[in-house]
PDB file of N, CA and C in Angstrom:
ATOM      1  N   UNK A   1     105.770 105.293 108.980  1.00  0.00           N
ATOM      2  CA  UNK A   1     104.845 105.148 108.052  1.00  0.00           C
ATOM      3  C   UNK A   1     103.300 105.145 108.287  1.00  0.00           C
ATOM      4  N   UNK A   2     103.179 104.466 109.618  1.00  0.00           N
ATOM      5  CA  UNK A   2     101.699 104.499 110.240  1.00  0.00           C
ATOM      6  C   UNK A   2     101.014 105.713 110.321  1.00  0.00           C
ATOM      7  N   UNK A   3     101.796 106.695 110.964  1.00  0.00           N
ATOM      8  CA  UNK A   3     101.500 108.055 110.969  1.00  0.00           C
ATOM      9  C   UNK A   3     101.157 108.846 109.784  1.00  0.00           C
ATOM     10  N   UNK A   4     101.909 108.304 108.842  1.00  0.00           N
ATOM     11  CA  UNK A   4     101.810 108.990 107.195  1.00  0.00           C
ATOM     12  C   UNK A   4     100.479 108.545 106.753  1.00  0.00           C
ATOM     13  N   UNK A   5     100.270 107.152 106.944  1.00  0.00           N
ATOM     14  CA  UNK A   5      98.963 106.552 106.467  1.00  0.00           C
ATOM     15  C   UNK A   5      97.868 107.283 107.209  1.00  0.00           C
ATOM     16  N   UNK A   6      97.719 107.214 108.341  1.00  0.00           N
ATOM     17  CA  UNK A   6      96.901 107.836 109.169  1.00  0.00           C
ATOM     18  C   UNK A   6      96.760 109.447 109.152  1.00  0.00           C
ATOM     19  N   UNK A   7      97.355 110.140 108.853  1.00  0.00           N
ATOM     20  CA  UNK A   7      97.254 111.643 108.511  1.00  0.00           C
ATOM     21  C   UNK A   7      96.766 111.822 107.241  1.00  0.00           C
ATOM     22  N   UNK A   8      97.513 111.146 106.374  1.00  0.00           N
ATOM     23  CA  UNK A   8      96.906 111.536 104.768  1.00  0.00           C
ATOM     24  C   UNK A   8      96.063 110.621 104.104  1.00  0.00           C
ATOM     25  N   UNK A   9      95.746 109.369 104.811  1.00  0.00           N
ATOM     26  CA  UNK A   9      94.755 108.559 103.893  1.00  0.00           C
ATOM     27  C   UNK A   9      93.881 107.864 105.101  1.00  0.00           C
ATOM     28  N   UNK A  10      93.822 108.495 106.351  1.00  0.00           N
ATOM     29  CA  UNK A  10      92.836 107.961 107.197  1.00  0.00           C
ATOM     30  C   UNK A  10      92.772 106.613 107.706  1.00  0.00           C
ATOM     31  N   UNK A  11      94.133 105.898 107.600  1.00  0.00           N
ATOM     32  CA  UNK A  11      94.387 104.443 108.034  1.00  0.00           C
ATOM     33  C   UNK A  11      94.900 104.527 109.332  1.00  0.00           C
ATOM     34  N   UNK A  12      93.931 104.046 110.016  1.00  0.00           N
ATOM     35  CA  UNK A  12      94.513 103.807 111.586  1.00  0.00           C
ATOM     36  C   UNK A  12      95.259 102.758 111.965  1.00  0.00           C
ATOM     37  N   UNK A  13      96.467 103.246 112.860  1.00  0.00           N
ATOM     38  CA  UNK A  13      97.376 101.984 113.067  1.00  0.00           C
ATOM     39  C   UNK A  13      96.700 100.707 113.724  1.00  0.00           C
ATOM     40  N   UNK A  14      97.587  99.689 113.556  1.00  0.00           N
ATOM     41  CA  UNK A  14      96.932  98.617 114.437  1.00  0.00           C
ATOM     42  C   UNK A  14      96.859  98.665 115.839  1.00  0.00           C
ATOM     43  N   UNK A  15      95.804  98.358 116.423  1.00  0.00           N
ATOM     44  CA  UNK A  15      95.360  98.649 117.546  1.00  0.00           C
ATOM     45  C   UNK A  15      96.530  98.228 118.640  1.00  0.00           C
ATOM     46  N   UNK A  16      96.769  98.919 119.790  1.00  0.00           N
ATOM     47  CA  UNK A  16      97.623  98.484 120.784  1.00  0.00           C
ATOM     48  C   UNK A  16      97.202  97.300 121.844  1.00  0.00           C
ATOM     49  N   UNK A  17      95.919  97.474 121.702  1.00  0.00           N
ATOM     50  CA  UNK A  17      95.230  96.237 122.586  1.00  0.00           C
ATOM     51  C   UNK A  17      94.014  95.613 121.933  1.00  0.00           C
ATOM     52  N   UNK A  18      93.566  94.338 122.514  1.00  0.00           N
ATOM     53  CA  UNK A  18      92.318  94.081 121.921  1.00  0.00           C
ATOM     54  C   UNK A  18      91.137  94.684 122.323  1.00  0.00           C
ATOM     55  N   UNK A  19      91.180  95.814 123.274  1.00  0.00           N
ATOM     56  CA  UNK A  19      90.259  96.621 123.613  1.00  0.00           C
ATOM     57  C   UNK A  19      89.778  97.734 122.586  1.00  0.00           C
ATOM     58  N   UNK A  20      90.930  98.012 121.760  1.00  0.00           N
ATOM     59  CA  UNK A  20      90.504  99.047 120.647  1.00  0.00           C
ATOM     60  C   UNK A  20      90.194  98.444 119.400  1.00  0.00           C
ATOM     61  N   UNK A  21      89.447  99.275 118.695  1.00  0.00           N
ATOM     62  CA  UNK A  21      88.929  98.742 117.324  1.00  0.00           C
ATOM     63  C   UNK A  21      89.823  98.933 116.321  1.00  0.00           C
ATOM     64  N   UNK A  22      89.895  98.020 115.138  1.00  0.00           N
ATOM     65  CA  UNK A  22      90.884  98.287 114.238  1.00  0.00           C
ATOM     66  C   UNK A  22      90.182  99.187 113.222  1.00  0.00           C
ATOM     67  N   UNK A  23      91.020  99.535 112.242  1.00  0.00           N
ATOM     68  CA  UNK A  23      90.627 100.564 111.203  1.00  0.00           C
ATOM     69  C   UNK A  23      89.509  99.666 110.235  1.00  0.00           C
ATOM     70  N   UNK A  24      88.538 100.473 110.013  1.00  0.00           N
ATOM     71  CA  UNK A  24      87.200  99.879 109.142  1.00  0.00           C
ATOM     72  C   UNK A  24      86.990 100.729 107.905  1.00  0.00           C
ATOM     73  N   UNK A  25      86.768 100.510 106.821  1.00  0.00           N
ATOM     74  CA  UNK A  25      86.436 100.934 105.476  1.00  0.00           C
ATOM     75  C   UNK A  25      84.990 100.896 105.330  1.00  0.00           C
ATOM     76  N   UNK A  26      84.284 101.532 104.748  1.00  0.00           N
ATOM     77  CA  UNK A  26      83.107 101.719 104.264  1.00  0.00           C
ATOM     78  C   UNK A  26      82.750 100.844 103.596  1.00  0.00           C
ATOM     79  N   UNK A  27      81.378  99.987 103.639  1.00  0.00           N
ATOM     80  CA  UNK A  27      81.027  98.971 102.790  1.00  0.00           C
ATOM     81  C   UNK A  27      80.928  99.501 101.256  1.00  0.00           C
ATOM     82  N   UNK A  28      81.433  98.842 100.431  1.00  0.00           N
ATOM     83  CA  UNK A  28      81.293  99.150  99.214  1.00  0.00           C
ATOM     84  C   UNK A  28      82.324  97.934  98.314  1.00  0.00           C
ATOM     85  N   UNK A  29      82.436  98.370  96.850  1.00  0.00           N
ATOM     86  CA  UNK A  29      83.173  97.305  96.195  1.00  0.00           C
ATOM     87  C   UNK A  29      84.729  97.222  96.605  1.00  0.00           C
ATOM     88  N   UNK A  30      85.084  95.970  96.367  1.00  0.00           N
ATOM     89  CA  UNK A  30      86.528  95.613  96.585  1.00  0.00           C
ATOM     90  C   UNK A  30      87.073  94.974  95.479  1.00  0.00           C
ATOM     91  N   UNK A  31      88.350  95.107  95.143  1.00  0.00           N
ATOM     92  CA  UNK A  31      88.841  94.272  93.809  1.00  0.00           C
ATOM     93  C   UNK A  31      90.265  93.695  94.245  1.00  0.00           C
ATOM     94  N   UNK A  32      90.336  92.306  94.021  1.00  0.00           N
ATOM     95  CA  UNK A  32      91.699  91.845  94.265  1.00  0.00           C
ATOM     96  C   UNK A  32      92.318  91.283  92.843  1.00  0.00           C
ATOM     97  N   UNK A  33      93.189  92.199  92.457  1.00  0.00           N
ATOM     98  CA  UNK A  33      93.718  91.889  90.996  1.00  0.00           C
ATOM     99  C   UNK A  33      95.334  91.452  91.013  1.00  0.00           C
ATOM    100  N   UNK A  34      95.496  90.380  91.101  1.00  0.00           N
ATOM    101  CA  UNK A  34      96.804  89.832  90.849  1.00  0.00           C
ATOM    102  C   UNK A  34      97.323  90.591  89.515  1.00  0.00           C
ATOM    103  N   UNK A  35      98.759  90.867  89.426  1.00  0.00           N
ATOM    104  CA  UNK A  35      99.387  91.288  88.214  1.00  0.00           C
ATOM    105  C   UNK A  35     100.351  89.979  88.040  1.00  0.00           C
ATOM    106  N   UNK A  36     100.764  89.810  86.929  1.00  0.00           N
ATOM    107  CA  UNK A  36     101.884  89.300  86.397  1.00  0.00           C
ATOM    108  C   UNK A  36     103.314  89.344  87.027  1.00  0.00           C
ATOM    109  N   UNK A  37     104.057  88.476  87.275  1.00  0.00           N
ATOM    110  CA  UNK A  37     105.410  88.736  88.057  1.00  0.00           C
ATOM    111  C   UNK A  37     106.198  89.629  87.378  1.00  0.00           C
ATOM    112  N   UNK A  38     106.041  89.833  85.991  1.00  0.00           N
ATOM    113  CA  UNK A  38     107.208  90.705  85.336  1.00  0.00           C
ATOM    114  C   UNK A  38     106.377  91.981  84.739  1.00  0.00           C
ATOM    115  N   UNK A  39     105.363  92.449  85.513  1.00  0.00           N
ATOM    116  CA  UNK A  39     104.626  93.578  85.140  1.00  0.00           C
ATOM    117  C   UNK A  39     105.361  95.068  85.647  1.00  0.00           C
ATOM    118  N   UNK A  40     105.356  95.968  84.719  1.00  0.00           N
ATOM    119  CA  UNK A  40     105.979  97.140  84.854  1.00  0.00           C
ATOM    120  C   UNK A  40     105.018  98.259  85.374  1.00  0.00           C
ATOM    121  N   UNK A  41     103.931  97.580  85.831  1.00  0.00           N
ATOM    122  CA  UNK A  41     102.677  98.834  86.230  1.00  0.00           C
ATOM    123  C   UNK A  41     103.077  99.384  87.356  1.00  0.00           C
ATOM    124  N   UNK A  42     103.773  98.789  88.360  1.00  0.00           N
ATOM    125  CA  UNK A  42     103.886  99.497  89.810  1.00  0.00           C
ATOM    126  C   UNK A  42     105.176 100.376  89.668  1.00  0.00           C
ATOM    127  N   UNK A  43     106.122 100.524  88.781  1.00  0.00           N
ATOM    128  CA  UNK A  43     107.191 101.394  88.678  1.00  0.00           C
ATOM    129  C   UNK A  43     108.435 100.632  88.599  1.00  0.00           C
ATOM    130  N   UNK A  44     108.672  99.563  89.204  1.00  0.00           N
ATOM    131  CA  UNK A  44     109.836  99.151  89.623  1.00  0.00           C
ATOM    132  C   UNK A  44     110.008  97.747  89.663  1.00  0.00           C
ATOM    133  N   UNK A  45     110.742  96.816  89.106  1.00  0.00           N
ATOM    134  CA  UNK A  45     110.822  95.472  89.224  1.00  0.00           C
ATOM    135  C   UNK A  45     110.637  94.820  90.611  1.00  0.00           C
ATOM    136  N   UNK A  46     111.250  95.447  91.666  1.00  0.00           N
ATOM    137  CA  UNK A  46     111.057  95.063  93.095  1.00  0.00           C
ATOM    138  C   UNK A  46     109.808  95.074  93.677  1.00  0.00           C
ATOM    139  N   UNK A  47     108.777  95.836  92.916  1.00  0.00           N
ATOM    140  CA  UNK A  47     107.355  96.219  93.724  1.00  0.00           C
ATOM    141  C   UNK A  47     106.478  95.197  92.975  1.00  0.00           C
ATOM    142  N   UNK A  48     105.924  94.440  93.816  1.00  0.00           N
ATOM    143  CA  UNK A  48     104.950  93.392  93.554  1.00  0.00           C
ATOM    144  C   UNK A  48     103.455  93.315  93.824  1.00  0.00           C
ATOM    145  N   UNK A  49     103.173  94.582  94.514  1.00  0.00           N
ATOM    146  CA  UNK A  49     101.956  95.074  95.037  1.00  0.00           C
ATOM    147  C   UNK A  49     101.966  96.340  95.068  1.00  0.00           C
ATOM    148  N   UNK A  50     100.346  96.796  95.064  1.00  0.00           N
ATOM    149  CA  UNK A  50     100.144  98.209  95.467  1.00  0.00           C
ATOM    150  C   UNK A  50      98.537  98.196  96.057  1.00  0.00           C
ATOM    151  N   UNK A  51      98.723  99.310  97.265  1.00  0.00           N
ATOM    152  CA  UNK A  51      97.159  99.316  97.747  1.00  0.00           C
ATOM    153  C   UNK A  51      96.619 100.318  96.941  1.00  0.00           C
ATOM    154  N   UNK A  52      95.265 100.000  96.668  1.00  0.00           N
ATOM    155  CA  UNK A  52      94.195 100.773  95.941  1.00  0.00           C
ATOM    156  C   UNK A  52      93.151 101.208  97.006  1.00  0.00           C
ATOM    157  N   UNK A  53      92.960 102.525  97.001  1.00  0.00           N
ATOM    158  CA  UNK A  53      92.194 102.969  98.250  1.00  0.00           C
ATOM    159  C   UNK A  53      90.763 103.463  97.342  1.00  0.00           C
ATOM    160  N   UNK A  54      89.464 102.929  97.685  1.00  0.00           N
ATOM    161  CA  UNK A  54      88.465 103.440  97.332  1.00  0.00           C
ATOM    162  C   UNK A  54      88.025 105.027  97.865  1.00  0.00           C
ATOM    163  N   UNK A  55      87.755 106.080  97.078  1.00  0.00           N
ATOM    164  CA  UNK A  55      87.507 107.218  97.801  1.00  0.00           C
ATOM    165  C   UNK A  55      86.244 107.848  97.146  1.00  0.00           C
ATOM    166  N   UNK A  56      85.342 108.468  97.909  1.00  0.00           N
ATOM    167  CA  UNK A  56      83.953 109.146  97.742  1.00  0.00           C
ATOM    168  C   UNK A  56      84.456 110.246  96.643  1.00  0.00           C
ATOM    169  N   UNK A  57      85.290 111.068  96.674  1.00  0.00           N
ATOM    170  CA  UNK A  57      85.505 112.242  95.993  1.00  0.00           C
ATOM    171  C   UNK A  57      86.991 112.448  95.494  1.00  0.00           C
ATOM    172  N   UNK A  58      87.363 111.989  94.471  1.00  0.00           N
ATOM    173  CA  UNK A  58      88.842 111.739  93.866  1.00  0.00           C
ATOM    174  C   UNK A  58      89.453 113.194  93.801  1.00  0.00           C
ATOM    175  N   UNK A  59      88.456 114.360  93.369  1.00  0.00           N
ATOM    176  CA  UNK A  59      89.125 115.584  93.240  1.00  0.00           C
ATOM    177  C   UNK A  59      89.398 116.043  94.419  1.00  0.00           C
ATOM    178  N   UNK A  60      88.469 115.949  95.410  1.00  0.00           N
ATOM    179  CA  UNK A  60      88.725 116.629  96.985  1.00  0.00           C
ATOM    180  C   UNK A  60      89.890 115.742  97.491  1.00  0.00           C
ATOM    181  N   UNK A  61      90.188 114.586  97.226  1.00  0.00           N
ATOM    182  CA  UNK A  61      91.141 113.871  97.957  1.00  0.00           C
ATOM    183  C   UNK A  61      92.615 114.376  97.240  1.00  0.00           C
ATOM    184  N   UNK A  62      92.582 114.363  95.819  1.00  0.00           N
ATOM    185  CA  UNK A  62      93.775 115.067  95.379  1.00  0.00           C
ATOM    186  C   UNK A  62      94.191 116.272  95.831  1.00  0.00           C
ATOM    187  N   UNK A  63      93.057 117.181  96.097  1.00  0.00           N
ATOM    188  CA  UNK A  63      93.402 118.575  96.570  1.00  0.00           C
ATOM    189  C   UNK A  63      94.014 118.588  97.944  1.00  0.00           C
ATOM    190  N   UNK A  64      93.487 117.692  98.846  1.00  0.00           N
ATOM    191  CA  UNK A  64      93.828 117.513 100.171  1.00  0.00           C
ATOM    192  C   UNK A  64      95.230 116.997 100.362  1.00  0.00           C
ATOM    193  N   UNK A  65      95.609 115.924  99.294  1.00  0.00           N
ATOM    194  CA  UNK A  65      96.941 115.514  99.602  1.00  0.00           C
ATOM    195  C   UNK A  65      97.926 116.547  98.865  1.00  0.00           C
ATOM    196  N   UNK A  66      97.492 117.182  97.867  1.00  0.00           N
ATOM    197  CA  UNK A  66      98.617 118.237  97.260  1.00  0.00           C
ATOM    198  C   UNK A  66      98.818 119.281  98.147  1.00  0.00           C
ATOM    199  N   UNK A  67      97.650 119.459  99.331  1.00  0.00           N
ATOM    200  CA  UNK A  67      97.984 120.803  99.877  1.00  0.00           C
ATOM    201  C   UNK A  67      98.726 120.376 101.061  1.00  0.00           C
ATOM    202  N   UNK A  68      98.965 119.289 101.338  1.00  0.00           N
ATOM    203  CA  UNK A  68      99.942 118.397 102.232  1.00  0.00           C
ATOM    204  C   UNK A  68     101.234 118.216 101.640  1.00  0.00           C
ATOM    205  N   UNK A  69     101.507 118.718 100.360  1.00  0.00           N
ATOM    206  CA  UNK A  69     102.872 118.543  99.703  1.00  0.00           C
ATOM    207  C   UNK A  69     103.161 117.316  99.093  1.00  0.00           C
ATOM    208  N   UNK A  70     101.921 116.360  98.871  1.00  0.00           N
ATOM    209  CA  UNK A  70     102.279 115.285  98.187  1.00  0.00           C
ATOM    210  C   UNK A  70     101.913 115.158  96.861  1.00  0.00           C
ATOM    211  N   UNK A  71     102.639 114.582  95.940  1.00  0.00           N
ATOM    212  CA  UNK A  71     102.537 114.823  94.682  1.00  0.00           C
ATOM    213  C   UNK A  71     101.493 113.461  94.057  1.00  0.00           C
ATOM    214  N   UNK A  72     100.480 113.956  93.597  1.00  0.00           N
ATOM    215  CA  UNK A  72      99.672 113.323  93.204  1.00  0.00           C
ATOM    216  C   UNK A  72      99.299 113.251  91.548  1.00  0.00           C
ATOM    217  N   UNK A  73      99.346 112.167  90.687  1.00  0.00           N
ATOM    218  CA  UNK A  73      98.968 112.277  89.388  1.00  0.00           C
ATOM    219  C   UNK A  73      97.596 111.643  89.019  1.00  0.00           C
ATOM    220  N   UNK A  74      96.608 112.311  88.669  1.00  0.00           N
ATOM    221  CA  UNK A  74      95.574 111.921  88.274  1.00  0.00           C
ATOM    222  C   UNK A  74      95.709 111.093  86.852  1.00  0.00           C
ATOM    223  N   UNK A  75      94.846 110.016  86.744  1.00  0.00           N
ATOM    224  CA  UNK A  75      94.853 109.459  85.325  1.00  0.00           C
ATOM    225  C   UNK A  75      93.734 110.141  84.561  1.00  0.00           C
ATOM    226  N   UNK A  76      94.146 110.773  83.417  1.00  0.00           N
ATOM    227  CA  UNK A  76      93.219 111.650  82.645  1.00  0.00           C
ATOM    228  C   UNK A  76      92.191 110.615  82.003  1.00  0.00           C
ATOM    229  N   UNK A  77      92.412 109.336  81.949  1.00  0.00           N
ATOM    230  CA  UNK A  77      91.089 108.658  81.229  1.00  0.00           C
ATOM    231  C   UNK A  77      90.156 108.176  82.283  1.00  0.00           C
ATOM    232  N   UNK A  78      88.863 108.284  81.605  1.00  0.00           N
ATOM    233  CA  UNK A  78      87.740 107.949  82.498  1.00  0.00           C
ATOM    234  C   UNK A  78      87.401 106.483  82.172  1.00  0.00           C
ATOM    235  N   UNK A  79      87.482 105.613  82.949  1.00  0.00           N
ATOM    236  CA  UNK A  79      87.368 103.918  82.969  1.00  0.00           C
ATOM    237  C   UNK A  79      85.863 103.573  83.102  1.00  0.00           C
ATOM    238  N   UNK A  80      85.517 102.596  82.549  1.00  0.00           N
ATOM    239  CA  UNK A  80      84.001 102.204  82.879  1.00  0.00           C
ATOM    240  C   UNK A  80      83.682 101.920  84.278  1.00  0.00           C
ATOM    241  N   UNK A  81      84.844 101.596  84.992  1.00  0.00           N
ATOM    242  CA  UNK A  81      84.780 101.375  86.507  1.00  0.00           C
ATOM    243  C   UNK A  81      85.156 102.483  87.336  1.00  0.00           C
ATOM    244  N   UNK A  82      85.465 103.823  86.775  1.00  0.00           N
ATOM    245  CA  UNK A  82      85.691 104.983  87.738  1.00  0.00           C
ATOM    246  C   UNK A  82      86.883 105.749  87.041  1.00  0.00           C
ATOM    247  N   UNK A  83      87.398 106.551  87.956  1.00  0.00           N
ATOM    248  CA  UNK A  83      88.499 107.396  87.839  1.00  0.00           C
ATOM    249  C   UNK A  83      89.601 106.807  88.729  1.00  0.00           C
ATOM    250  N   UNK A  84      90.975 107.436  88.575  1.00  0.00           N
ATOM    251  CA  UNK A  84      91.974 106.875  89.298  1.00  0.00           C
ATOM    252  C   UNK A  84      93.081 107.794  89.186  1.00  0.00           C
ATOM    253  N   UNK A  85      93.611 108.054  90.405  1.00  0.00           N
ATOM    254  CA  UNK A  85      95.058 108.920  90.597  1.00  0.00           C
ATOM    255  C   UNK A  85      96.326 107.978  91.360  1.00  0.00           C
ATOM    256  N   UNK A  86      97.404 108.472  91.038  1.00  0.00           N
ATOM    257  CA  UNK A  86      98.362 107.535  91.693  1.00  0.00           C
ATOM    258  C   UNK A  86      99.398 108.616  92.477  1.00  0.00           C
ATOM    259  N   UNK A  87      99.605 108.200  93.820  1.00  0.00           N
ATOM    260  CA  UNK A  87     100.593 108.786  94.626  1.00  0.00           C
ATOM    261  C   UNK A  87     101.779 107.740  95.138  1.00  0.00           C
ATOM    262  N   UNK A  88     102.720 107.937  95.980  1.00  0.00           N
ATOM    263  CA  UNK A  88     103.593 107.202  96.513  1.00  0.00           C
ATOM    264  C   UNK A  88     103.720 107.606  98.228  1.00  0.00           C
ATOM    265  N   UNK A  89     103.857 106.458  98.845  1.00  0.00           N
ATOM    266  CA  UNK A  89     104.137 106.814 100.168  1.00  0.00           C
ATOM    267  C   UNK A  89     105.527 107.134 100.362  1.00  0.00           C
ATOM    268  N   UNK A  90     106.105 107.614 101.611  1.00  0.00           N
ATOM    269  CA  UNK A  90     107.337 108.086 101.806  1.00  0.00           C
ATOM    270  C   UNK A  90     108.516 107.065 101.536  1.00  0.00           C
ATOM    271  N   UNK A  91     108.256 105.752 101.326  1.00  0.00           N
ATOM    272  CA  UNK A  91     109.045 104.644 101.077  1.00  0.00           C
ATOM    273  C   UNK A  91     109.179 104.672  99.588  1.00  0.00           C
ATOM    274  N   UNK A  92     108.182 105.087  98.872  1.00  0.00           N
ATOM    275  CA  UNK A  92     108.056 104.842  97.456  1.00  0.00           C
ATOM    276  C   UNK A  92     107.263 103.999  96.803  1.00  0.00           C
ATOM    277  N   UNK A  93     106.585 103.617  97.910  1.00  0.00           N
ATOM    278  CA  UNK A  93     105.480 102.377  97.387  1.00  0.00           C
ATOM    279  C   UNK A  93     104.334 102.928  96.587  1.00  0.00           C
ATOM    280  N   UNK A  94     104.040 102.676  95.364  1.00  0.00           N
ATOM    281  CA  UNK A  94     102.775 103.324  94.787  1.00  0.00           C
ATOM    282  C   UNK A  94     101.471 103.093  95.505  1.00  0.00           C
ATOM    283  N   UNK A  95     100.472 103.975  95.549  1.00  0.00           N
ATOM    284  CA  UNK A  95      99.170 103.852  95.989  1.00  0.00           C
ATOM    285  C   UNK A  95      98.405 104.366  94.963  1.00  0.00           C
ATOM    286  N   UNK A  96      97.081 103.922  94.604  1.00  0.00           N
ATOM    287  CA  UNK A  96      96.343 104.204  93.778  1.00  0.00           C
ATOM    288  C   UNK A  96      95.040 104.423  94.422  1.00  0.00           C
ATOM    289  N   UNK A  97      94.450 105.784  94.177  1.00  0.00           N
ATOM    290  CA  UNK A  97      93.163 106.199  94.647  1.00  0.00           C
ATOM    291  C   UNK A  97      91.961 105.725  93.600  1.00  0.00           C
ATOM    292  N   UNK A  98      91.010 105.335  93.800  1.00  0.00           N
ATOM    293  CA  UNK A  98      89.938 104.897  92.920  1.00  0.00           C
ATOM    294  C   UNK A  98      88.735 105.549  93.378  1.00  0.00           C
ATOM    295  N   UNK A  99      87.842 106.221  92.468  1.00  0.00           N
ATOM    296  CA  UNK A  99      86.783 106.629  92.742  1.00  0.00           C
ATOM    297  C   UNK A  99      85.648 106.006  91.817  1.00  0.00           C
ATOM    298  N   UNK A 100      84.915 104.941  92.264  1.00  0.00           N
ATOM    299  CA  UNK A 100      84.029 104.186  91.507  1.00  0.00           C
ATOM    300  C   UNK A 100      83.140 104.853  90.343  1.00  0.00           C
ATOM    301  N   UNK A 101      82.796 104.380  89.733  1.00  0.00           N
ATOM    302  CA  UNK A 101      81.685 105.136  88.622  1.00  0.00           C
ATOM    303  C   UNK A 101      80.358 104.885  89.326  1.00  0.00           C
ATOM    304  N   UNK A 102      79.663 106.019  89.359  1.00  0.00           N
ATOM    305  CA  UNK A 102      78.242 105.806  89.832  1.00  0.00           C
ATOM    306  C   UNK A 102      77.317 105.407  89.205  1.00  0.00           C
TER     307      UNK A 102
END
């Protein structure tokens, strides 16, 4: 899983030593949004969380992932806070990509 997240989303694995730097993200907005226990938003009852990555260019990211054979479903609605797309990692965990409104 670590290799998949690194190859497709740029998330570096946990450092093997204290001499290595951990993965860092660019400064920008971060949202923590707990959902109700019985939400159906994540796709299945056993799923209680989802990673949401902020991206600079949603269209380019979608194209990059699709070129790697990963199914990505863009949300067609333009929200006041930006645009979104959803994909799943190899274990079926949902991931959302978010391009904040400028």
